Amino acid sequence: MATTQHSLRLVKRFTYRGNAAKEFSNRYYFDGASPGDHDAWVALFDAIILVEKTCYPNMAQVIQAYGYEPGSEVAVASSTYAVDGTLNVTGGAYAPGDAAAVLRMATTKKSSLNHTVYVFTYMHAALSQITGSYGDTLLGAQKTALENFGTDWITGISVAGRTYKRTTPDGHLVTGRAVDPYIGHRDFPR
């Protein structure tokens, strides 16, 4: 699959297994032309961070953002951050660091068997619901925040008069979103 879209990657850090700082990142492909100059990239980073930080508690922090041209792994823009998550943890308990909340977004792309192709976002710093459920049930507030984040990508995130919508790497727009009600697992590279 050829990468035809610009993308950005947000790097987050949280405390893993009690004392080690662990990083994870999410990459988002988006429609349209390049944001332009460095200031335009930073404005886009700021806008995405503003909505994404509501999806995780303050134990996670955005520390870096990178912008990429299609097909390249060399960043054309970057910015350093220290932005804590803002999700309220009331009623929740921290899940293990390997655990992740999962946002699945349907796209206009179809597989060779005519099945919908999805893009995924794995959000570490997951919170489990501690009342009236099992330990693997995602905290309702975190599920809602991720659903809202998905909706923002579908309707578009506006920055300086331009609206950015999430796509697959080869340019197919997202059309729907679902958040798994249960906490998933995502291994870190060893």
C-alpha atoms as a PDB file:
ATOM      1  CA  MET A   1       0.000   0.000   0.000  1.00  0.00           C
ATOM      2  CA  ALA A   2       1.484   3.329  -1.019  1.00  0.00           C
ATOM      3  CA  THR A   3       1.377   6.102   1.559  1.00  0.00           C
ATOM      4  CA  THR A   4      -0.221   9.101  -0.098  1.00  0.00           C
ATOM      5  CA  GLN A   5      -1.241  11.126   2.943  1.00  0.00           C
ATOM      6  CA  HIS A   6       0.496  13.490   5.323  1.00  0.00           C
ATOM      7  CA  SER A   7       0.583  12.324   8.919  1.00  0.00           C
ATOM      8  CA  LEU A   8       1.469  13.335  12.424  1.00  0.00           C
ATOM      9  CA  ARG A   9       2.632  11.323  15.402  1.00  0.00           C
ATOM     10  CA  LEU A  10       2.061  12.238  19.034  1.00  0.00           C
ATOM     11  CA  VAL A  11       4.411  10.676  21.576  1.00  0.00           C
ATOM     12  CA  LYS A  12       3.173  10.158  25.115  1.00  0.00           C
ATOM     13  CA  ARG A  13       4.969   9.031  28.281  1.00  0.00           C
ATOM     14  CA  PHE A  14       3.685   7.391  31.445  1.00  0.00           C
ATOM     15  CA  THR A  15       5.061   5.465  34.414  1.00  0.00           C
ATOM     16  CA  TYR A  16       5.324   1.775  33.594  1.00  0.00           C
ATOM     17  CA  ARG A  17       5.626  -1.026  36.154  1.00  0.00           C
ATOM     18  CA  GLY A  18       6.060   1.334  39.043  1.00  0.00           C
ATOM     19  CA  ASN A  19       9.080   3.368  38.141  1.00  0.00           C
ATOM     20  CA  ALA A  20      10.140   3.216  34.504  1.00  0.00           C
ATOM     21  CA  ALA A  21       9.093   5.955  32.089  1.00  0.00           C
ATOM     22  CA  LYS A  22       7.548   4.303  29.037  1.00  0.00           C
ATOM     23  CA  GLU A  23       6.666   5.983  25.756  1.00  0.00           C
ATOM     24  CA  PHE A  24       3.944   5.147  23.287  1.00  0.00           C
ATOM     25  CA  SER A  25       2.724   6.999  20.248  1.00  0.00           C
ATOM     26  CA  ASN A  26      -0.217   7.298  17.908  1.00  0.00           C
ATOM     27  CA  ARG A  27       0.099   8.188  14.231  1.00  0.00           C
ATOM     28  CA  TYR A  28      -2.736   9.940  12.448  1.00  0.00           C
ATOM     29  CA  TYR A  29      -2.988  10.250   8.657  1.00  0.00           C
ATOM     30  CA  PHE A  30      -5.118  13.096   7.365  1.00  0.00           C
ATOM     31  CA  ASP A  31      -6.602  14.389   4.118  1.00  0.00           C
ATOM     32  CA  GLY A  32      -5.457  17.259   1.974  1.00  0.00           C
ATOM     33  CA  ALA A  33      -2.208  19.033   1.377  1.00  0.00           C
ATOM     34  CA  SER A  34       0.601  19.691   3.823  1.00  0.00           C
ATOM     35  CA  PRO A  35      -0.235  22.102   6.636  1.00  0.00           C
ATOM     36  CA  GLY A  36       2.505  24.300   5.169  1.00  0.00           C
ATOM     37  CA  ASP A  37       5.231  25.862   7.259  1.00  0.00           C
ATOM     38  CA  HIS A  38       6.458  24.905  10.727  1.00  0.00           C
ATOM     39  CA  ASP A  39       3.987  27.227  12.478  1.00  0.00           C
ATOM     40  CA  ALA A  40       1.070  25.600  10.638  1.00  0.00           C
ATOM     41  CA  TRP A  41       2.267  22.149  11.686  1.00  0.00           C
ATOM     42  CA  VAL A  42       2.554  23.276  15.320  1.00  0.00           C
ATOM     43  CA  ALA A  43      -0.958  24.737  15.184  1.00  0.00           C
ATOM     44  CA  LEU A  44      -2.210  21.351  13.950  1.00  0.00           C
ATOM     45  CA  PHE A  45      -0.269  19.510  16.680  1.00  0.00           C
ATOM     46  CA  ASP A  46      -1.797  21.850  19.290  1.00  0.00           C
ATOM     47  CA  ALA A  47      -5.329  21.262  17.994  1.00  0.00           C
ATOM     48  CA  ILE A  48      -4.996  17.468  17.993  1.00  0.00           C
ATOM     49  CA  ILE A  49      -3.411  17.449  21.462  1.00  0.00           C
ATOM     50  CA  LEU A  50      -6.243  19.623  22.761  1.00  0.00           C
ATOM     51  CA  VAL A  51      -8.814  16.931  21.928  1.00  0.00           C
ATOM     52  CA  GLU A  52      -6.617  13.850  22.441  1.00  0.00           C
ATOM     53  CA  LYS A  53      -5.492  14.772  25.986  1.00  0.00           C
ATOM     54  CA  THR A  54      -9.082  14.329  27.181  1.00  0.00           C
ATOM     55  CA  CYS A  55      -8.748  10.569  26.485  1.00  0.00           C
ATOM     56  CA  TYR A  56      -6.210   9.737  29.212  1.00  0.00           C
ATOM     57  CA  PRO A  57      -5.533  10.752  32.828  1.00  0.00           C
ATOM     58  CA  ASN A  58      -2.699  12.974  33.993  1.00  0.00           C
ATOM     59  CA  MET A  59      -0.471   9.925  34.523  1.00  0.00           C
ATOM     60  CA  ALA A  60       0.199  10.216  30.768  1.00  0.00           C
ATOM     61  CA  GLN A  61       1.774  13.251  29.167  1.00  0.00           C
ATOM     62  CA  VAL A  62       2.276  14.323  25.540  1.00  0.00           C
ATOM     63  CA  ILE A  63       5.998  14.963  25.157  1.00  0.00           C
ATOM     64  CA  GLN A  64       6.636  15.253  21.414  1.00  0.00           C
ATOM     65  CA  ALA A  65       4.860  15.756  18.089  1.00  0.00           C
ATOM     66  CA  TYR A  66       6.166  15.050  14.587  1.00  0.00           C
ATOM     67  CA  GLY A  67       4.778  15.879  11.150  1.00  0.00           C
ATOM     68  CA  TYR A  68       5.497  13.769   8.045  1.00  0.00           C
ATOM     69  CA  GLU A  69       5.219  14.113   4.295  1.00  0.00           C
ATOM     70  CA  PRO A  70       3.645  11.173   2.411  1.00  0.00           C
ATOM     71  CA  GLY A  71       5.871   8.106   2.223  1.00  0.00           C
ATOM     72  CA  SER A  72       8.575   9.552   4.484  1.00  0.00           C
ATOM     73  CA  GLU A  73       9.705   8.585   7.970  1.00  0.00           C
ATOM     74  CA  VAL A  74      11.746  11.778   8.292  1.00  0.00           C
ATOM     75  CA  ALA A  75       9.829  14.462  10.157  1.00  0.00           C
ATOM     76  CA  VAL A  76       9.427  17.811   8.400  1.00  0.00           C
ATOM     77  CA  ALA A  77       8.189  19.446  11.604  1.00  0.00           C
ATOM     78  CA  SER A  78       8.442  18.683  15.299  1.00  0.00           C
ATOM     79  CA  SER A  79       7.625  20.274  18.611  1.00  0.00           C
ATOM     80  CA  THR A  80       8.313  19.409  22.242  1.00  0.00           C
ATOM     81  CA  TYR A  81       5.479  19.364  24.776  1.00  0.00           C
ATOM     82  CA  ALA A  82       4.720  18.713  28.437  1.00  0.00           C
ATOM     83  CA  VAL A  83       0.920  18.370  28.280  1.00  0.00           C
ATOM     84  CA  ASP A  84      -0.782  16.151  30.856  1.00  0.00           C
ATOM     85  CA  GLY A  85      -3.904  14.169  30.137  1.00  0.00           C
ATOM     86  CA  THR A  86      -7.079  15.692  31.572  1.00  0.00           C
ATOM     87  CA  LEU A  87      -9.398  12.685  31.951  1.00  0.00           C
ATOM     88  CA  ASN A  88     -11.016  12.504  35.404  1.00  0.00           C
ATOM     89  CA  VAL A  89     -10.197   9.168  37.081  1.00  0.00           C
ATOM     90  CA  THR A  90     -13.163   9.177  39.486  1.00  0.00           C
ATOM     91  CA  GLY A  91     -14.661   5.692  39.598  1.00  0.00           C
ATOM     92  CA  GLY A  92     -11.722   4.141  37.782  1.00  0.00           C
ATOM     93  CA  ALA A  93      -8.557   2.243  38.576  1.00  0.00           C
ATOM     94  CA  TYR A  94      -5.353   2.297  36.570  1.00  0.00           C
ATOM     95  CA  ALA A  95      -4.984  -0.767  34.358  1.00  0.00           C
ATOM     96  CA  PRO A  96      -1.558  -2.351  33.798  1.00  0.00           C
ATOM     97  CA  GLY A  97       0.690  -0.389  31.446  1.00  0.00           C
ATOM     98  CA  ASP A  98       0.429  -3.041  28.720  1.00  0.00           C
ATOM     99  CA  ALA A  99      -3.339  -2.526  28.693  1.00  0.00           C
ATOM    100  CA  ALA A 100      -4.881  -0.083  26.240  1.00  0.00           C
ATOM    101  CA  ALA A 101      -8.239   1.383  25.367  1.00  0.00           C
ATOM    102  CA  VAL A 102      -9.022   0.671  21.716  1.00  0.00           C
ATOM    103  CA  LEU A 103     -10.669   3.079  19.245  1.00  0.00           C
ATOM    104  CA  ARG A 104     -11.609   1.398  15.956  1.00  0.00           C
ATOM    105  CA  MET A 105     -12.573   3.595  13.013  1.00  0.00           C
ATOM    106  CA  ALA A 106     -14.273   2.325   9.865  1.00  0.00           C
ATOM    107  CA  THR A 107     -13.095   3.760   6.543  1.00  0.00           C
ATOM    108  CA  THR A 108     -14.346   4.004   2.980  1.00  0.00           C
ATOM    109  CA  LYS A 109     -11.712   1.442   1.975  1.00  0.00           C
ATOM    110  CA  LYS A 110     -12.715  -2.164   1.231  1.00  0.00           C
ATOM    111  CA  SER A 111     -10.534  -5.273   1.383  1.00  0.00           C
ATOM    112  CA  SER A 112     -10.197  -7.685  -1.531  1.00  0.00           C
ATOM    113  CA  LEU A 113     -13.119  -9.600   0.051  1.00  0.00           C
ATOM    114  CA  ASN A 114     -15.220  -6.400   0.159  1.00  0.00           C
ATOM    115  CA  HIS A 115     -14.873  -6.038   3.937  1.00  0.00           C
ATOM    116  CA  THR A 116     -14.503  -2.662   5.587  1.00  0.00           C
ATOM    117  CA  VAL A 117     -10.918  -1.690   6.444  1.00  0.00           C
ATOM    118  CA  TYR A 118     -10.387  -0.088   9.860  1.00  0.00           C
ATOM    119  CA  VAL A 119      -7.783   2.170  11.433  1.00  0.00           C
ATOM    120  CA  PHE A 120      -7.029   1.732  15.122  1.00  0.00           C
ATOM    121  CA  THR A 121      -5.871   3.925  17.980  1.00  0.00           C
ATOM    122  CA  TYR A 122      -4.474   2.216  21.078  1.00  0.00           C
ATOM    123  CA  MET A 123      -4.459   4.478  24.133  1.00  0.00           C
ATOM    124  CA  HIS A 124      -2.342   3.333  27.071  1.00  0.00           C
ATOM    125  CA  ALA A 125      -3.039   4.748  30.549  1.00  0.00           C
ATOM    126  CA  ALA A 126      -6.349   2.892  30.388  1.00  0.00           C
ATOM    127  CA  LEU A 127      -8.722   3.028  33.335  1.00  0.00           C
ATOM    128  CA  SER A 128     -10.946   0.173  34.425  1.00  0.00           C
ATOM    129  CA  GLN A 129     -14.409   0.661  35.879  1.00  0.00           C
ATOM    130  CA  ILE A 130     -14.212  -0.251  39.579  1.00  0.00           C
ATOM    131  CA  THR A 131     -17.874  -0.318  40.511  1.00  0.00           C
ATOM    132  CA  GLY A 132     -20.404  -2.851  39.279  1.00  0.00           C
ATOM    133  CA  SER A 133     -18.155  -4.508  36.718  1.00  0.00           C
ATOM    134  CA  TYR A 134     -15.184  -6.737  36.116  1.00  0.00           C
ATOM    135  CA  GLY A 135     -11.674  -5.313  36.026  1.00  0.00           C
ATOM    136  CA  ASP A 136     -11.488  -5.400  32.240  1.00  0.00           C
ATOM    137  CA  THR A 137     -14.397  -2.996  31.662  1.00  0.00           C
ATOM    138  CA  LEU A 138     -13.184   0.372  30.362  1.00  0.00           C
ATOM    139  CA  LEU A 139     -14.122   3.356  32.536  1.00  0.00           C
ATOM    140  CA  GLY A 140     -17.245   4.908  31.004  1.00  0.00           C
ATOM    141  CA  ALA A 141     -15.735   8.409  30.991  1.00  0.00           C
ATOM    142  CA  GLN A 142     -12.698   7.168  29.053  1.00  0.00           C
ATOM    143  CA  LYS A 143     -14.903   5.321  26.561  1.00  0.00           C
ATOM    144  CA  THR A 144     -16.954   8.486  26.007  1.00  0.00           C
ATOM    145  CA  ALA A 145     -13.809  10.620  25.598  1.00  0.00           C
ATOM    146  CA  LEU A 146     -12.439   8.230  22.958  1.00  0.00           C
ATOM    147  CA  GLU A 147     -15.791   8.186  21.145  1.00  0.00           C
ATOM    148  CA  ASN A 148     -15.744  11.995  21.098  1.00  0.00           C
ATOM    149  CA  PHE A 149     -12.169  11.964  19.802  1.00  0.00           C
ATOM    150  CA  GLY A 150     -13.223   9.608  17.005  1.00  0.00           C
ATOM    151  CA  THR A 151     -16.181  11.828  16.165  1.00  0.00           C
ATOM    152  CA  ASP A 152     -13.861  14.852  16.012  1.00  0.00           C
ATOM    153  CA  TRP A 153     -11.765  13.086  13.356  1.00  0.00           C
ATOM    154  CA  ILE A 154     -14.888  12.155  11.354  1.00  0.00           C
ATOM    155  CA  THR A 155     -16.397  15.654  11.371  1.00  0.00           C
ATOM    156  CA  GLY A 156     -12.983  17.250  11.079  1.00  0.00           C
ATOM    157  CA  ILE A 157     -10.653  19.206  13.321  1.00  0.00           C
ATOM    158  CA  SER A 158     -10.445  22.835  12.234  1.00  0.00           C
ATOM    159  CA  VAL A 159      -7.238  24.833  12.394  1.00  0.00           C
ATOM    160  CA  ALA A 160      -6.777  28.295  10.880  1.00  0.00           C
ATOM    161  CA  GLY A 161      -9.699  27.957   8.474  1.00  0.00           C
ATOM    162  CA  ARG A 162      -8.863  24.423   7.338  1.00  0.00           C
ATOM    163  CA  THR A 163     -10.556  21.206   8.437  1.00  0.00           C
ATOM    164  CA  TYR A 164      -8.499  18.015   8.824  1.00  0.00           C
ATOM    165  CA  LYS A 165     -10.134  14.583   8.605  1.00  0.00           C
ATOM    166  CA  ARG A 166      -8.508  11.260   9.446  1.00  0.00           C
ATOM    167  CA  THR A 167      -7.737   8.793   6.657  1.00  0.00           C
ATOM    168  CA  THR A 168      -5.946   5.529   5.989  1.00  0.00           C
ATOM    169  CA  PRO A 169      -2.313   5.908   4.868  1.00  0.00           C
ATOM    170  CA  ASP A 170      -3.526   5.712   1.255  1.00  0.00           C
ATOM    171  CA  GLY A 171      -6.231   8.341   1.614  1.00  0.00           C
ATOM    172  CA  HIS A 172      -9.561   6.668   2.467  1.00  0.00           C
ATOM    173  CA  LEU A 173     -11.625   8.759   4.891  1.00  0.00           C
ATOM    174  CA  VAL A 174     -12.876   7.453   8.230  1.00  0.00           C
ATOM    175  CA  THR A 175     -16.667   7.062   8.341  1.00  0.00           C
ATOM    176  CA  GLY A 176     -17.498   5.640  11.762  1.00  0.00           C
ATOM    177  CA  ARG A 177     -16.046   4.896  15.143  1.00  0.00           C
ATOM    178  CA  ALA A 178     -16.426   2.394  17.974  1.00  0.00           C
ATOM    179  CA  VAL A 179     -14.619   2.028  21.269  1.00  0.00           C
ATOM    180  CA  ASP A 180     -14.211  -1.451  22.701  1.00  0.00           C
ATOM    181  CA  PRO A 181     -16.041  -1.564  26.053  1.00  0.00           C
ATOM    182  CA  TYR A 182     -13.276  -3.803  27.390  1.00  0.00           C
ATOM    183  CA  ILE A 183      -9.640  -2.939  27.932  1.00  0.00           C
ATOM    184  CA  GLY A 184      -7.343  -4.498  25.344  1.00  0.00           C
ATOM    185  CA  HIS A 185      -3.665  -5.386  25.280  1.00  0.00           C
ATOM    186  CA  ARG A 186      -0.825  -3.994  23.202  1.00  0.00           C
ATOM    187  CA  ASP A 187       2.726  -5.211  23.629  1.00  0.00           C
ATOM    188  CA  PHE A 188       5.584  -2.780  23.726  1.00  0.00           C
ATOM    189  CA  PRO A 189       8.601  -3.569  21.546  1.00  0.00           C
ATOM    190  CA  ARG A 190      11.300  -5.313  23.549  1.00  0.00           C
END
